[in-house]
Amino acid sequence: MFKKIVLTFAGLALFLVVVFVVWLQYGTRYNQIEVWQANWALETPPEQRTTTVFEHVGRDPDQYVIVEYSAEAVEELRERNTWHSAGVPGAVQAHVASFQSLMKELHSQEAQVLEEQFRNHPVPSHERLLYLTRTKEDGSRMLAVLDAENRRLYVMEVFF
C-alpha cells in the first residue's frame, strides 16, 4: 500500500515537472510572438528554433535574434506582413550596418563582443531577401530580414 502511494505521488510529481518544462519552453515562444506583435506589428508564426545572438535586458531590451521556421511557417510569415524586396545584393546591408553600429554605440562596453557576435552570425546579403523596418516616436527601431530560402528571420531591436 505504501509503495502504491509513493509511486502515485512520484508519477504525479514527474507529470507536473514535465508540464512545467513544456510550459516554460512554449510559453517563452509565444511571449516573443506576442511582444513582436505588440511592439512592432510584426506577425510571426511559431518557430522551430530561436538563437539569441545578443540580448541586453533591462528597461530597454535591445536584442539580435535569429529565428528558424518550417517551410509552411515561412509562407505564413510572408503573407502576414508587408515586406520590402532587397532587389540587389547589399541593399539590406545598409540597414544591418546601421543597427549594428547603433547597438555598439549604445553598449560600448560590449562593442568587441558585439562585433564578434555579428561576425559569427551575419545577416545574409542577396537580392532575394525581404525586409521590414519599424520606428517608434521615441526613436526605438526594429529591423526584420527574412531569408525565405534558408527559412530564417533575423530580427534586431533597439529601444530608447
N, C-alpha and C. Protein backbone atom coordinates (compact mmCIF):
# COMPACT_ATOMS: atom_id res chain seq x y z
N MET A 1 0.82 -1.20 0.00
CA MET A 1 0.00 0.00 0.00
C MET A 1 0.86 1.26 0.00
N PHE A 2 1.90 1.25 0.86
CA PHE A 2 2.79 2.41 0.95
C PHE A 2 3.51 2.64 -0.38
N LYS A 3 3.96 1.55 -1.02
CA LYS A 3 4.64 1.66 -2.31
C LYS A 3 3.71 2.25 -3.37
N LYS A 4 2.45 1.86 -3.34
CA LYS A 4 1.47 2.36 -4.30
C LYS A 4 1.28 3.87 -4.15
N ILE A 5 1.22 4.34 -2.90
CA ILE A 5 1.05 5.78 -2.64
C ILE A 5 2.30 6.54 -3.09
N VAL A 6 3.48 6.01 -2.78
CA VAL A 6 4.74 6.65 -3.17
C VAL A 6 4.84 6.71 -4.69
N LEU A 7 4.52 5.62 -5.37
CA LEU A 7 4.57 5.60 -6.83
C LEU A 7 3.56 6.58 -7.44
N THR A 8 2.40 6.67 -6.85
CA THR A 8 1.39 7.61 -7.33
C THR A 8 1.89 9.04 -7.21
N PHE A 9 2.43 9.40 -6.04
CA PHE A 9 2.96 10.75 -5.84
C PHE A 9 4.17 11.02 -6.72
N ALA A 10 5.04 10.02 -6.90
CA ALA A 10 6.21 10.18 -7.76
C ALA A 10 5.77 10.40 -9.20
N GLY A 11 4.79 9.63 -9.65
CA GLY A 11 4.25 9.81 -11.00
C GLY A 11 3.62 11.18 -11.18
N LEU A 12 2.87 11.63 -10.18
CA LEU A 12 2.26 12.95 -10.24
C LEU A 12 3.32 14.04 -10.26
N ALA A 13 4.35 13.89 -9.45
CA ALA A 13 5.44 14.88 -9.42
C ALA A 13 6.15 14.93 -10.77
N LEU A 14 6.43 13.77 -11.36
CA LEU A 14 7.07 13.72 -12.67
C LEU A 14 6.19 14.38 -13.73
N PHE A 15 4.91 14.11 -13.69
CA PHE A 15 3.97 14.73 -14.62
C PHE A 15 3.99 16.25 -14.49
N LEU A 16 3.97 16.75 -13.26
CA LEU A 16 3.99 18.20 -13.03
C LEU A 16 5.29 18.82 -13.53
N VAL A 17 6.40 18.13 -13.34
CA VAL A 17 7.69 18.64 -13.83
C VAL A 17 7.67 18.73 -15.36
N VAL A 18 7.17 17.70 -16.01
CA VAL A 18 7.10 17.70 -17.47
C VAL A 18 6.19 18.83 -17.96
N VAL A 19 5.04 18.98 -17.33
CA VAL A 19 4.12 20.06 -17.71
C VAL A 19 4.79 21.42 -17.52
N PHE A 20 5.52 21.61 -16.43
CA PHE A 20 6.20 22.87 -16.16
C PHE A 20 7.27 23.15 -17.21
N VAL A 21 8.06 22.16 -17.57
CA VAL A 21 9.11 22.33 -18.58
C VAL A 21 8.50 22.67 -19.94
N VAL A 22 7.45 21.98 -20.33
CA VAL A 22 6.78 22.27 -21.60
C VAL A 22 6.19 23.68 -21.57
N TRP A 23 5.60 24.05 -20.45
CA TRP A 23 5.04 25.40 -20.32
C TRP A 23 6.13 26.45 -20.46
N LEU A 24 7.28 26.23 -19.83
CA LEU A 24 8.39 27.18 -19.96
C LEU A 24 8.85 27.29 -21.40
N GLN A 25 9.02 26.16 -22.07
CA GLN A 25 9.50 26.16 -23.44
C GLN A 25 8.53 26.86 -24.38
N TYR A 26 7.28 26.48 -24.35
CA TYR A 26 6.31 27.04 -25.29
C TYR A 26 5.77 28.38 -24.83
N GLY A 27 5.75 28.62 -23.54
CA GLY A 27 5.30 29.92 -23.04
C GLY A 27 6.22 31.03 -23.48
N THR A 28 7.53 30.80 -23.45
CA THR A 28 8.51 31.78 -23.91
C THR A 28 8.34 32.03 -25.40
N ARG A 29 8.13 30.98 -26.16
CA ARG A 29 7.98 31.11 -27.61
C ARG A 29 6.82 32.04 -27.94
N TYR A 30 5.69 31.80 -27.33
CA TYR A 30 4.52 32.61 -27.65
C TYR A 30 4.64 34.01 -27.06
N ASN A 31 5.38 34.17 -25.98
CA ASN A 31 5.60 35.51 -25.46
C ASN A 31 6.34 36.37 -26.48
N GLN A 32 7.37 35.82 -27.14
CA GLN A 32 8.10 36.58 -28.15
C GLN A 32 7.19 36.96 -29.30
N ILE A 33 6.35 36.03 -29.72
CA ILE A 33 5.39 36.31 -30.79
C ILE A 33 4.48 37.47 -30.39
N GLU A 34 3.98 37.44 -29.18
CA GLU A 34 3.10 38.50 -28.69
C GLU A 34 3.83 39.83 -28.55
N VAL A 35 5.06 39.78 -28.09
CA VAL A 35 5.84 41.01 -27.91
C VAL A 35 6.10 41.67 -29.26
N TRP A 36 6.53 40.90 -30.25
CA TRP A 36 6.77 41.48 -31.58
C TRP A 36 5.49 42.04 -32.18
N GLN A 37 4.38 41.36 -31.95
CA GLN A 37 3.10 41.86 -32.46
C GLN A 37 2.75 43.18 -31.78
N ALA A 38 2.88 43.23 -30.46
CA ALA A 38 2.52 44.44 -29.72
C ALA A 38 3.47 45.60 -29.99
N ASN A 39 4.77 45.33 -30.01
CA ASN A 39 5.75 46.40 -30.18
C ASN A 39 5.89 46.89 -31.61
N TRP A 40 5.82 45.98 -32.57
CA TRP A 40 6.19 46.35 -33.94
C TRP A 40 5.15 45.98 -34.99
N ALA A 41 4.03 45.40 -34.60
CA ALA A 41 3.04 44.90 -35.55
C ALA A 41 3.68 43.89 -36.50
N LEU A 42 4.65 43.13 -35.98
CA LEU A 42 5.30 42.06 -36.74
C LEU A 42 4.60 40.77 -36.35
N GLU A 43 3.90 40.18 -37.31
CA GLU A 43 3.15 38.96 -37.04
C GLU A 43 3.97 37.76 -37.45
N THR A 44 4.29 36.90 -36.47
CA THR A 44 5.12 35.73 -36.72
C THR A 44 4.41 34.46 -36.27
N PRO A 45 4.57 33.39 -37.04
CA PRO A 45 4.04 32.09 -36.61
C PRO A 45 5.00 31.45 -35.60
N PRO A 46 4.59 30.37 -34.96
CA PRO A 46 5.51 29.65 -34.06
C PRO A 46 6.74 29.16 -34.83
N GLU A 47 7.89 29.26 -34.19
CA GLU A 47 9.15 28.92 -34.83
C GLU A 47 9.61 27.52 -34.48
N GLN A 48 10.61 27.04 -35.21
CA GLN A 48 11.22 25.75 -34.89
C GLN A 48 12.36 25.93 -33.89
N ARG A 49 13.11 27.02 -34.06
CA ARG A 49 14.27 27.25 -33.20
C ARG A 49 14.60 28.74 -33.18
N THR A 50 15.04 29.21 -32.02
CA THR A 50 15.45 30.61 -31.87
C THR A 50 16.86 30.66 -31.31
N THR A 51 17.69 31.48 -31.92
CA THR A 51 19.04 31.71 -31.42
C THR A 51 19.14 33.17 -31.03
N THR A 52 19.40 33.44 -29.77
CA THR A 52 19.58 34.80 -29.32
C THR A 52 21.07 35.12 -29.43
N VAL A 53 21.42 35.95 -30.39
CA VAL A 53 22.81 36.31 -30.63
C VAL A 53 23.27 37.32 -29.59
N PHE A 54 22.43 38.31 -29.33
CA PHE A 54 22.74 39.35 -28.37
C PHE A 54 21.44 39.78 -27.71
N GLU A 55 21.50 39.95 -26.39
CA GLU A 55 20.33 40.45 -25.67
C GLU A 55 20.81 41.29 -24.50
N HIS A 56 20.37 42.51 -24.47
CA HIS A 56 20.67 43.40 -23.35
C HIS A 56 19.36 43.61 -22.63
N VAL A 57 19.20 42.92 -21.50
CA VAL A 57 17.94 43.01 -20.77
C VAL A 57 17.93 44.26 -19.91
N GLY A 58 16.76 44.61 -19.46
CA GLY A 58 16.60 45.79 -18.63
C GLY A 58 15.43 46.61 -19.14
N ARG A 59 15.45 47.86 -18.78
CA ARG A 59 14.35 48.75 -19.18
C ARG A 59 14.25 48.85 -20.69
N ASP A 60 15.38 48.89 -21.36
CA ASP A 60 15.42 48.98 -22.82
C ASP A 60 16.08 47.72 -23.38
N PRO A 61 15.30 46.66 -23.64
CA PRO A 61 15.88 45.36 -24.00
C PRO A 61 16.27 45.26 -25.48
N ASP A 62 17.48 45.68 -25.81
CA ASP A 62 17.98 45.57 -27.17
C ASP A 62 18.35 44.11 -27.44
N GLN A 63 18.13 43.67 -28.68
CA GLN A 63 18.47 42.28 -28.97
C GLN A 63 18.66 42.04 -30.46
N TYR A 64 19.36 40.95 -30.74
CA TYR A 64 19.53 40.42 -32.08
C TYR A 64 19.21 38.93 -31.99
N VAL A 65 18.20 38.50 -32.75
CA VAL A 65 17.69 37.14 -32.67
C VAL A 65 17.60 36.56 -34.08
N ILE A 66 17.95 35.27 -34.21
CA ILE A 66 17.77 34.55 -35.46
C ILE A 66 16.74 33.45 -35.20
N VAL A 67 15.68 33.45 -36.00
CA VAL A 67 14.59 32.51 -35.82
C VAL A 67 14.50 31.60 -37.05
N GLU A 68 14.38 30.30 -36.81
CA GLU A 68 14.25 29.34 -37.90
C GLU A 68 12.81 28.83 -37.94
N TYR A 69 12.30 28.69 -39.18
CA TYR A 69 10.92 28.28 -39.39
C TYR A 69 10.82 27.08 -40.33
N SER A 70 9.68 26.44 -40.30
CA SER A 70 9.37 25.41 -41.29
C SER A 70 9.03 26.13 -42.60
N ALA A 71 8.99 25.38 -43.70
CA ALA A 71 8.65 25.98 -45.00
C ALA A 71 7.25 26.58 -44.97
N GLU A 72 6.32 25.89 -44.31
CA GLU A 72 4.94 26.39 -44.22
C GLU A 72 4.89 27.68 -43.41
N ALA A 73 5.65 27.72 -42.33
CA ALA A 73 5.66 28.92 -41.48
C ALA A 73 6.26 30.11 -42.22
N VAL A 74 7.27 29.87 -43.07
CA VAL A 74 7.87 30.96 -43.86
C VAL A 74 6.82 31.57 -44.78
N GLU A 75 6.02 30.72 -45.42
CA GLU A 75 4.97 31.24 -46.29
C GLU A 75 3.95 32.04 -45.49
N GLU A 76 3.61 31.55 -44.32
CA GLU A 76 2.68 32.27 -43.44
C GLU A 76 3.28 33.62 -43.03
N LEU A 77 4.56 33.63 -42.71
CA LEU A 77 5.26 34.85 -42.33
C LEU A 77 5.25 35.85 -43.47
N ARG A 78 5.49 35.39 -44.66
CA ARG A 78 5.49 36.26 -45.85
C ARG A 78 4.12 36.88 -46.07
N GLU A 79 3.07 36.10 -45.85
CA GLU A 79 1.72 36.58 -46.09
C GLU A 79 1.21 37.53 -45.01
N ARG A 80 1.67 37.36 -43.78
CA ARG A 80 1.17 38.14 -42.65
C ARG A 80 1.71 39.57 -42.60
N ASN A 81 2.82 39.84 -43.27
CA ASN A 81 3.48 41.13 -43.14
C ASN A 81 3.71 41.76 -44.51
N THR A 82 3.91 43.06 -44.52
CA THR A 82 4.22 43.78 -45.75
C THR A 82 5.74 43.94 -45.82
N TRP A 83 6.34 43.21 -46.73
CA TRP A 83 7.80 43.17 -46.85
C TRP A 83 8.27 44.04 -48.00
N HIS A 84 9.51 44.51 -47.88
CA HIS A 84 10.20 45.19 -48.97
C HIS A 84 11.18 44.20 -49.56
N SER A 85 11.34 44.24 -50.87
CA SER A 85 12.30 43.36 -51.52
C SER A 85 13.67 44.03 -51.53
N ALA A 86 14.70 43.26 -51.20
CA ALA A 86 16.05 43.82 -51.21
C ALA A 86 16.43 44.26 -52.61
N GLY A 87 16.05 43.48 -53.62
CA GLY A 87 16.30 43.87 -55.00
C GLY A 87 17.72 43.64 -55.48
N VAL A 88 18.68 44.16 -54.77
CA VAL A 88 20.09 44.00 -55.14
C VAL A 88 20.89 43.56 -53.92
N PRO A 89 21.95 42.79 -54.16
CA PRO A 89 22.78 42.39 -53.01
C PRO A 89 23.31 43.62 -52.28
N GLY A 90 23.29 43.59 -51.00
CA GLY A 90 23.82 44.71 -50.22
C GLY A 90 22.79 45.76 -49.85
N ALA A 91 21.59 45.72 -50.44
CA ALA A 91 20.58 46.73 -50.13
C ALA A 91 20.19 46.67 -48.66
N VAL A 92 20.08 45.48 -48.13
CA VAL A 92 19.70 45.30 -46.73
C VAL A 92 20.89 45.60 -45.82
N GLN A 93 22.10 45.43 -46.35
CA GLN A 93 23.30 45.59 -45.53
C GLN A 93 23.43 46.99 -44.93
N ALA A 94 22.93 48.00 -45.61
CA ALA A 94 22.98 49.37 -45.05
C ALA A 94 22.14 49.44 -43.77
N HIS A 95 20.97 48.82 -43.79
CA HIS A 95 20.12 48.78 -42.59
C HIS A 95 20.81 47.99 -41.48
N VAL A 96 21.36 46.84 -41.84
CA VAL A 96 22.04 45.98 -40.86
C VAL A 96 23.22 46.72 -40.24
N ALA A 97 24.02 47.36 -41.07
CA ALA A 97 25.20 48.10 -40.57
C ALA A 97 24.77 49.22 -39.64
N SER A 98 23.67 49.89 -39.95
CA SER A 98 23.16 50.96 -39.10
C SER A 98 22.76 50.42 -37.73
N PHE A 99 22.06 49.29 -37.70
CA PHE A 99 21.66 48.68 -36.44
C PHE A 99 22.87 48.22 -35.64
N GLN A 100 23.79 47.58 -36.30
CA GLN A 100 24.98 47.08 -35.61
C GLN A 100 25.78 48.24 -35.01
N SER A 101 25.92 49.31 -35.76
CA SER A 101 26.62 50.49 -35.27
C SER A 101 25.92 51.09 -34.06
N LEU A 102 24.60 51.19 -34.14
CA LEU A 102 23.82 51.74 -33.04
C LEU A 102 23.93 50.86 -31.79
N MET A 103 23.85 49.55 -31.97
CA MET A 103 23.99 48.65 -30.82
C MET A 103 25.36 48.77 -30.18
N LYS A 104 26.41 48.87 -31.00
CA LYS A 104 27.76 49.01 -30.45
C LYS A 104 27.93 50.35 -29.74
N GLU A 105 27.27 51.38 -30.25
CA GLU A 105 27.33 52.69 -29.60
C GLU A 105 26.60 52.67 -28.26
N LEU A 106 25.43 52.08 -28.23
CA LEU A 106 24.65 52.01 -27.00
C LEU A 106 25.28 51.12 -25.94
N HIS A 107 25.99 50.10 -26.39
CA HIS A 107 26.61 49.14 -25.48
C HIS A 107 28.11 49.12 -25.72
N SER A 108 28.71 50.30 -25.60
CA SER A 108 30.14 50.46 -25.92
C SER A 108 31.04 49.54 -25.10
N GLN A 109 30.63 49.24 -23.87
CA GLN A 109 31.44 48.34 -23.03
C GLN A 109 31.47 46.92 -23.59
N GLU A 110 30.53 46.60 -24.47
CA GLU A 110 30.45 45.27 -25.07
C GLU A 110 30.70 45.32 -26.58
N ALA A 111 31.27 46.40 -27.08
CA ALA A 111 31.43 46.59 -28.52
C ALA A 111 32.21 45.47 -29.19
N GLN A 112 33.29 45.03 -28.56
CA GLN A 112 34.10 43.96 -29.17
C GLN A 112 33.32 42.64 -29.19
N VAL A 113 32.60 42.35 -28.13
CA VAL A 113 31.79 41.14 -28.08
C VAL A 113 30.71 41.20 -29.16
N LEU A 114 30.07 42.35 -29.29
CA LEU A 114 29.05 42.53 -30.31
C LEU A 114 29.63 42.34 -31.71
N GLU A 115 30.78 42.95 -31.94
CA GLU A 115 31.44 42.82 -33.25
C GLU A 115 31.67 41.35 -33.58
N GLU A 116 32.14 40.60 -32.61
CA GLU A 116 32.39 39.17 -32.82
C GLU A 116 31.09 38.41 -33.07
N GLN A 117 30.05 38.74 -32.30
CA GLN A 117 28.75 38.08 -32.48
C GLN A 117 28.17 38.37 -33.87
N PHE A 118 28.27 39.62 -34.31
CA PHE A 118 27.75 39.97 -35.64
C PHE A 118 28.55 39.25 -36.72
N ARG A 119 29.85 39.11 -36.52
CA ARG A 119 30.70 38.42 -37.48
C ARG A 119 30.36 36.91 -37.51
N ASN A 120 30.09 36.33 -36.34
CA ASN A 120 29.78 34.91 -36.25
C ASN A 120 28.35 34.57 -36.69
N HIS A 121 27.47 35.56 -36.67
CA HIS A 121 26.05 35.36 -37.02
C HIS A 121 25.61 36.44 -38.01
N PRO A 122 26.19 36.44 -39.21
CA PRO A 122 25.87 37.52 -40.16
C PRO A 122 24.47 37.39 -40.76
N VAL A 123 23.93 38.52 -41.10
CA VAL A 123 22.69 38.56 -41.88
C VAL A 123 23.13 38.36 -43.33
N PRO A 124 22.50 37.44 -44.07
CA PRO A 124 22.92 37.20 -45.46
C PRO A 124 22.72 38.44 -46.32
N SER A 125 23.38 38.42 -47.45
CA SER A 125 23.29 39.55 -48.38
C SER A 125 23.06 39.01 -49.79
N HIS A 126 21.81 38.96 -50.20
CA HIS A 126 21.50 38.61 -51.58
C HIS A 126 20.19 39.28 -51.98
N GLU A 127 19.94 39.33 -53.27
CA GLU A 127 18.81 40.12 -53.78
C GLU A 127 17.45 39.51 -53.49
N ARG A 128 17.37 38.28 -53.01
CA ARG A 128 16.08 37.64 -52.74
C ARG A 128 15.59 37.85 -51.31
N LEU A 129 16.35 38.58 -50.51
CA LEU A 129 15.93 38.86 -49.14
C LEU A 129 14.71 39.76 -49.12
N LEU A 130 13.92 39.61 -48.07
CA LEU A 130 12.82 40.52 -47.80
C LEU A 130 13.10 41.17 -46.46
N TYR A 131 12.68 42.41 -46.29
CA TYR A 131 12.93 43.07 -45.01
C TYR A 131 11.81 44.05 -44.70
N LEU A 132 11.74 44.39 -43.41
CA LEU A 132 10.85 45.46 -42.98
C LEU A 132 11.49 46.16 -41.80
N THR A 133 11.19 47.42 -41.68
CA THR A 133 11.70 48.21 -40.57
C THR A 133 10.52 48.90 -39.89
N ARG A 134 10.70 49.16 -38.62
CA ARG A 134 9.70 49.91 -37.86
C ARG A 134 10.45 50.89 -36.97
N THR A 135 9.88 52.07 -36.80
CA THR A 135 10.46 53.09 -35.92
C THR A 135 9.34 53.67 -35.07
N LYS A 136 9.62 53.82 -33.78
CA LYS A 136 8.65 54.44 -32.87
C LYS A 136 8.98 55.91 -32.69
N GLU A 137 8.06 56.64 -32.09
CA GLU A 137 8.25 58.08 -31.87
C GLU A 137 9.46 58.39 -31.02
N ASP A 138 9.80 57.49 -30.09
CA ASP A 138 10.95 57.74 -29.21
C ASP A 138 12.29 57.38 -29.85
N GLY A 139 12.26 56.92 -31.10
CA GLY A 139 13.48 56.55 -31.79
C GLY A 139 13.79 55.06 -31.76
N SER A 140 13.05 54.29 -30.98
CA SER A 140 13.24 52.84 -30.95
C SER A 140 13.02 52.28 -32.35
N ARG A 141 13.84 51.28 -32.70
CA ARG A 141 13.78 50.75 -34.07
C ARG A 141 13.86 49.23 -34.08
N MET A 142 13.29 48.66 -35.15
CA MET A 142 13.34 47.23 -35.36
C MET A 142 13.61 46.97 -36.83
N LEU A 143 14.46 46.00 -37.09
CA LEU A 143 14.74 45.54 -38.45
C LEU A 143 14.50 44.03 -38.47
N ALA A 144 13.70 43.57 -39.42
CA ALA A 144 13.47 42.14 -39.61
C ALA A 144 13.86 41.81 -41.05
N VAL A 145 14.72 40.82 -41.21
CA VAL A 145 15.19 40.40 -42.52
C VAL A 145 14.80 38.93 -42.69
N LEU A 146 14.04 38.65 -43.74
CA LEU A 146 13.58 37.29 -44.00
C LEU A 146 14.38 36.68 -45.14
N ASP A 147 15.08 35.60 -44.84
CA ASP A 147 15.78 34.80 -45.85
C ASP A 147 14.92 33.56 -46.05
N ALA A 148 13.96 33.66 -46.97
CA ALA A 148 12.98 32.59 -47.17
C ALA A 148 13.64 31.30 -47.65
N GLU A 149 14.68 31.41 -48.46
CA GLU A 149 15.35 30.21 -48.98
C GLU A 149 15.91 29.35 -47.85
N ASN A 150 16.49 29.99 -46.85
CA ASN A 150 17.08 29.27 -45.72
C ASN A 150 16.15 29.20 -44.51
N ARG A 151 14.93 29.72 -44.68
CA ARG A 151 13.87 29.68 -43.66
C ARG A 151 14.31 30.33 -42.35
N ARG A 152 14.94 31.50 -42.46
CA ARG A 152 15.41 32.21 -41.27
C ARG A 152 14.92 33.65 -41.28
N LEU A 153 14.62 34.13 -40.08
CA LEU A 153 14.26 35.52 -39.86
C LEU A 153 15.29 36.10 -38.91
N TYR A 154 15.89 37.22 -39.29
CA TYR A 154 16.88 37.92 -38.48
C TYR A 154 16.20 39.18 -37.94
N VAL A 155 16.16 39.33 -36.62
CA VAL A 155 15.46 40.47 -36.03
C VAL A 155 16.41 41.21 -35.10
N MET A 156 16.55 42.52 -35.34
CA MET A 156 17.34 43.38 -34.47
C MET A 156 16.40 44.45 -33.91
N GLU A 157 16.49 44.64 -32.58
CA GLU A 157 15.65 45.64 -31.93
C GLU A 157 16.52 46.55 -31.06
N VAL A 158 16.26 47.83 -31.15
CA VAL A 158 16.93 48.83 -30.30
C VAL A 158 15.86 49.71 -29.70
N PHE A 159 15.89 49.82 -28.38
CA PHE A 159 14.89 50.64 -27.66
C PHE A 159 15.55 51.84 -27.00
N PHE A 160 14.82 52.93 -26.93
CA PHE A 160 15.29 54.14 -26.24
C PHE A 160 14.33 54.50 -25.14
